[in-house]
N, C-alpha and C. Protein backbone atom coordinates (compact mmCIF):
# COMPACT_ATOMS: atom_id res chain seq x y z
N MET A 1 99.45 -172.74 -91.28
CA MET A 1 100.07 -171.65 -92.16
C MET A 1 100.21 -170.20 -91.61
N SER A 2 99.64 -169.73 -90.67
CA SER A 2 99.86 -168.39 -89.96
C SER A 2 100.63 -168.46 -88.94
N GLU A 3 101.81 -168.85 -89.13
CA GLU A 3 102.92 -169.16 -88.06
C GLU A 3 103.58 -167.45 -87.64
N THR A 4 103.50 -167.28 -86.40
CA THR A 4 104.12 -165.65 -86.23
C THR A 4 105.37 -166.17 -85.25
N SER A 5 106.30 -165.13 -85.65
CA SER A 5 107.87 -165.56 -85.11
C SER A 5 107.71 -165.01 -83.67
N ASP A 6 108.61 -165.37 -82.97
CA ASP A 6 108.89 -165.44 -81.44
C ASP A 6 109.06 -163.73 -81.22
N SER A 7 109.58 -162.94 -82.13
CA SER A 7 110.20 -161.66 -81.71
C SER A 7 108.82 -160.79 -81.90
N THR A 8 107.64 -161.09 -82.52
CA THR A 8 106.44 -160.19 -82.75
C THR A 8 105.51 -160.74 -81.79
N ASN A 9 105.36 -162.03 -81.17
CA ASN A 9 104.53 -162.17 -80.15
C ASN A 9 104.89 -162.12 -79.02
N PRO A 10 103.99 -161.67 -78.03
CA PRO A 10 104.22 -160.74 -76.72
C PRO A 10 104.77 -161.99 -75.88
N SER A 11 104.18 -163.01 -75.82
CA SER A 11 105.07 -164.08 -75.15
C SER A 11 106.62 -164.45 -75.37
N GLY A 12 106.91 -164.09 -76.78
CA GLY A 12 108.05 -164.20 -77.45
C GLY A 12 108.99 -163.49 -76.93
N ILE A 13 108.49 -161.98 -76.62
CA ILE A 13 109.27 -161.06 -76.00
C ILE A 13 109.40 -161.30 -74.88
N LYS A 14 108.55 -162.11 -73.71
CA LYS A 14 109.04 -162.39 -72.61
C LYS A 14 110.32 -163.24 -72.30
N VAL A 15 110.12 -164.37 -73.50
CA VAL A 15 111.13 -165.35 -73.54
C VAL A 15 112.41 -164.94 -73.79
N LEU A 16 112.40 -163.37 -74.91
CA LEU A 16 113.93 -163.06 -75.04
C LEU A 16 114.31 -162.16 -73.95
N VAL A 17 113.54 -161.74 -73.23
CA VAL A 17 113.99 -160.83 -72.11
C VAL A 17 114.49 -161.73 -70.75
N GLN A 18 113.90 -162.80 -70.67
CA GLN A 18 114.23 -163.83 -69.83
C GLN A 18 115.76 -164.21 -70.28
N LYS A 19 115.88 -164.71 -71.57
CA LYS A 19 116.89 -165.21 -72.13
C LYS A 19 118.16 -164.25 -72.08
N TYR A 20 117.85 -162.78 -72.30
CA TYR A 20 118.93 -161.94 -72.31
C TYR A 20 118.89 -160.90 -71.07
N LYS A 21 118.36 -161.59 -69.96
CA LYS A 21 118.12 -160.64 -68.69
C LYS A 21 119.54 -160.10 -68.46
N GLY A 22 120.63 -160.82 -68.26
CA GLY A 22 121.83 -160.25 -67.85
C GLY A 22 122.58 -159.27 -68.80
N GLN A 23 122.13 -159.64 -70.08
CA GLN A 23 122.98 -158.69 -70.90
C GLN A 23 122.10 -157.34 -70.96
N ILE A 24 120.78 -157.17 -70.94
CA ILE A 24 119.92 -156.12 -70.75
C ILE A 24 120.38 -155.50 -69.62
N GLY A 25 120.51 -155.93 -68.51
CA GLY A 25 120.66 -155.34 -67.14
C GLY A 25 122.10 -154.77 -67.22
N ILE A 26 123.31 -155.41 -67.58
CA ILE A 26 124.66 -154.82 -67.86
C ILE A 26 124.51 -153.60 -68.89
N GLY A 27 123.72 -153.96 -69.90
CA GLY A 27 123.56 -152.68 -71.04
C GLY A 27 122.99 -151.30 -70.23
N LEU A 28 121.91 -151.76 -69.39
CA LEU A 28 121.37 -150.34 -68.49
C LEU A 28 122.19 -149.96 -67.49
N LEU A 29 122.91 -150.65 -67.13
CA LEU A 29 124.10 -149.91 -65.71
C LEU A 29 125.09 -149.56 -66.67
N VAL A 30 125.57 -149.80 -67.82
CA VAL A 30 126.69 -149.14 -68.22
C VAL A 30 126.16 -147.71 -68.88
N LEU A 31 124.75 -147.73 -69.51
CA LEU A 31 124.09 -146.40 -70.08
C LEU A 31 123.94 -145.62 -68.86
N TYR A 32 123.54 -146.26 -67.66
CA TYR A 32 123.56 -145.21 -66.63
C TYR A 32 124.73 -144.65 -66.01
N VAL A 33 125.69 -145.38 -66.00
CA VAL A 33 126.84 -144.88 -65.69
C VAL A 33 127.54 -143.84 -66.51
N PHE A 34 127.24 -144.12 -67.83
CA PHE A 34 127.60 -143.12 -68.70
C PHE A 34 127.22 -141.73 -68.68
N LEU A 35 125.70 -141.85 -68.45
CA LEU A 35 124.86 -140.38 -68.29
C LEU A 35 125.45 -139.78 -67.04
N LEU A 36 125.85 -140.64 -66.15
CA LEU A 36 125.97 -139.84 -64.81
C LEU A 36 127.46 -139.48 -65.00
N GLY A 37 128.30 -140.09 -65.52
CA GLY A 37 129.54 -139.43 -65.87
C GLY A 37 129.56 -138.17 -66.57
N LEU A 38 128.70 -137.97 -67.73
CA LEU A 38 128.56 -137.11 -68.52
C LEU A 38 128.00 -135.97 -67.91
N GLY A 39 127.00 -136.01 -67.00
CA GLY A 39 126.48 -135.07 -66.34
C GLY A 39 127.39 -134.48 -65.33
N THR A 40 128.34 -135.29 -64.71
CA THR A 40 129.37 -134.68 -63.73
C THR A 40 130.18 -133.82 -64.35
N VAL A 41 130.72 -134.41 -65.55
CA VAL A 41 131.53 -133.84 -66.26
C VAL A 41 131.25 -132.35 -66.92
N GLY A 42 129.82 -132.50 -67.24
CA GLY A 42 129.30 -131.03 -67.84
C GLY A 42 129.03 -130.20 -66.46
N GLU A 43 128.90 -130.56 -65.38
CA GLU A 43 128.79 -129.90 -64.02
C GLU A 43 130.10 -129.30 -63.53
N ILE A 44 130.99 -130.09 -63.45
CA ILE A 44 132.09 -129.48 -62.84
C ILE A 44 133.06 -128.66 -63.91
N TRP A 45 133.15 -128.82 -65.16
CA TRP A 45 133.97 -127.98 -66.11
C TRP A 45 132.82 -126.95 -66.61
N GLU A 46 131.51 -127.03 -66.52
CA GLU A 46 130.78 -126.31 -67.05
C GLU A 46 130.79 -126.09 -68.46
N ILE A 47 130.69 -127.34 -68.99
CA ILE A 47 130.45 -127.33 -70.57
C ILE A 47 129.13 -127.08 -71.10
N GLU A 48 128.93 -126.25 -71.55
CA GLU A 48 127.46 -125.65 -71.89
C GLU A 48 126.86 -126.72 -72.88
N TRP A 49 127.57 -127.25 -73.85
CA TRP A 49 126.53 -128.23 -74.65
C TRP A 49 126.30 -129.33 -74.16
N ILE A 50 126.80 -129.64 -72.88
CA ILE A 50 126.33 -131.27 -72.06
C ILE A 50 125.05 -130.66 -71.38
N LEU A 51 125.40 -129.27 -70.74
CA LEU A 51 124.34 -128.61 -69.99
C LEU A 51 123.16 -128.35 -70.61
N ASP A 52 123.11 -128.23 -72.02
CA ASP A 52 121.80 -127.58 -72.80
C ASP A 52 121.32 -128.80 -73.20
N LEU A 53 121.83 -130.16 -73.04
CA LEU A 53 121.03 -131.33 -73.48
C LEU A 53 119.63 -131.58 -72.76
N PRO A 54 118.52 -132.18 -73.29
CA PRO A 54 117.23 -131.80 -72.74
C PRO A 54 117.21 -132.53 -71.45
N LEU A 55 118.21 -133.88 -71.37
CA LEU A 55 118.27 -134.57 -70.08
C LEU A 55 118.72 -133.77 -68.83
N PHE A 56 119.63 -132.86 -69.41
CA PHE A 56 120.53 -132.23 -68.04
C PHE A 56 119.78 -130.73 -67.90
N ARG A 57 118.93 -130.34 -68.45
CA ARG A 57 118.10 -129.03 -68.13
C ARG A 57 117.57 -129.17 -66.96
N PRO A 58 117.31 -127.96 -66.14
CA PRO A 58 116.55 -128.00 -64.71
C PRO A 58 115.32 -127.92 -65.39
N PRO A 59 114.15 -128.53 -64.46
CA PRO A 59 112.89 -128.34 -64.96
C PRO A 59 112.40 -126.94 -65.12
N GLY A 60 111.74 -126.77 -66.03
CA GLY A 60 111.21 -125.30 -66.41
C GLY A 60 111.90 -124.66 -67.47
N LYS A 61 113.24 -124.87 -67.48
CA LYS A 61 114.24 -124.42 -68.75
C LYS A 61 113.95 -125.07 -69.82
N TYR A 62 113.15 -124.61 -70.75
CA TYR A 62 113.19 -125.19 -72.14
C TYR A 62 113.37 -124.40 -73.08
């Protein structure tokens, strides 16, 4: 009676990660390249709204 779905079961999460490992990797790579490009554009052209994002602030500047 008490069946759990695969998405809530920890072993189900492992199955999903193994099933979609390629797509997850490509997604993370695209996200990394996007953030790298955004930071580069902000530094080169000194775009303040990009440089003020918490991700791109230097340590100690909050």
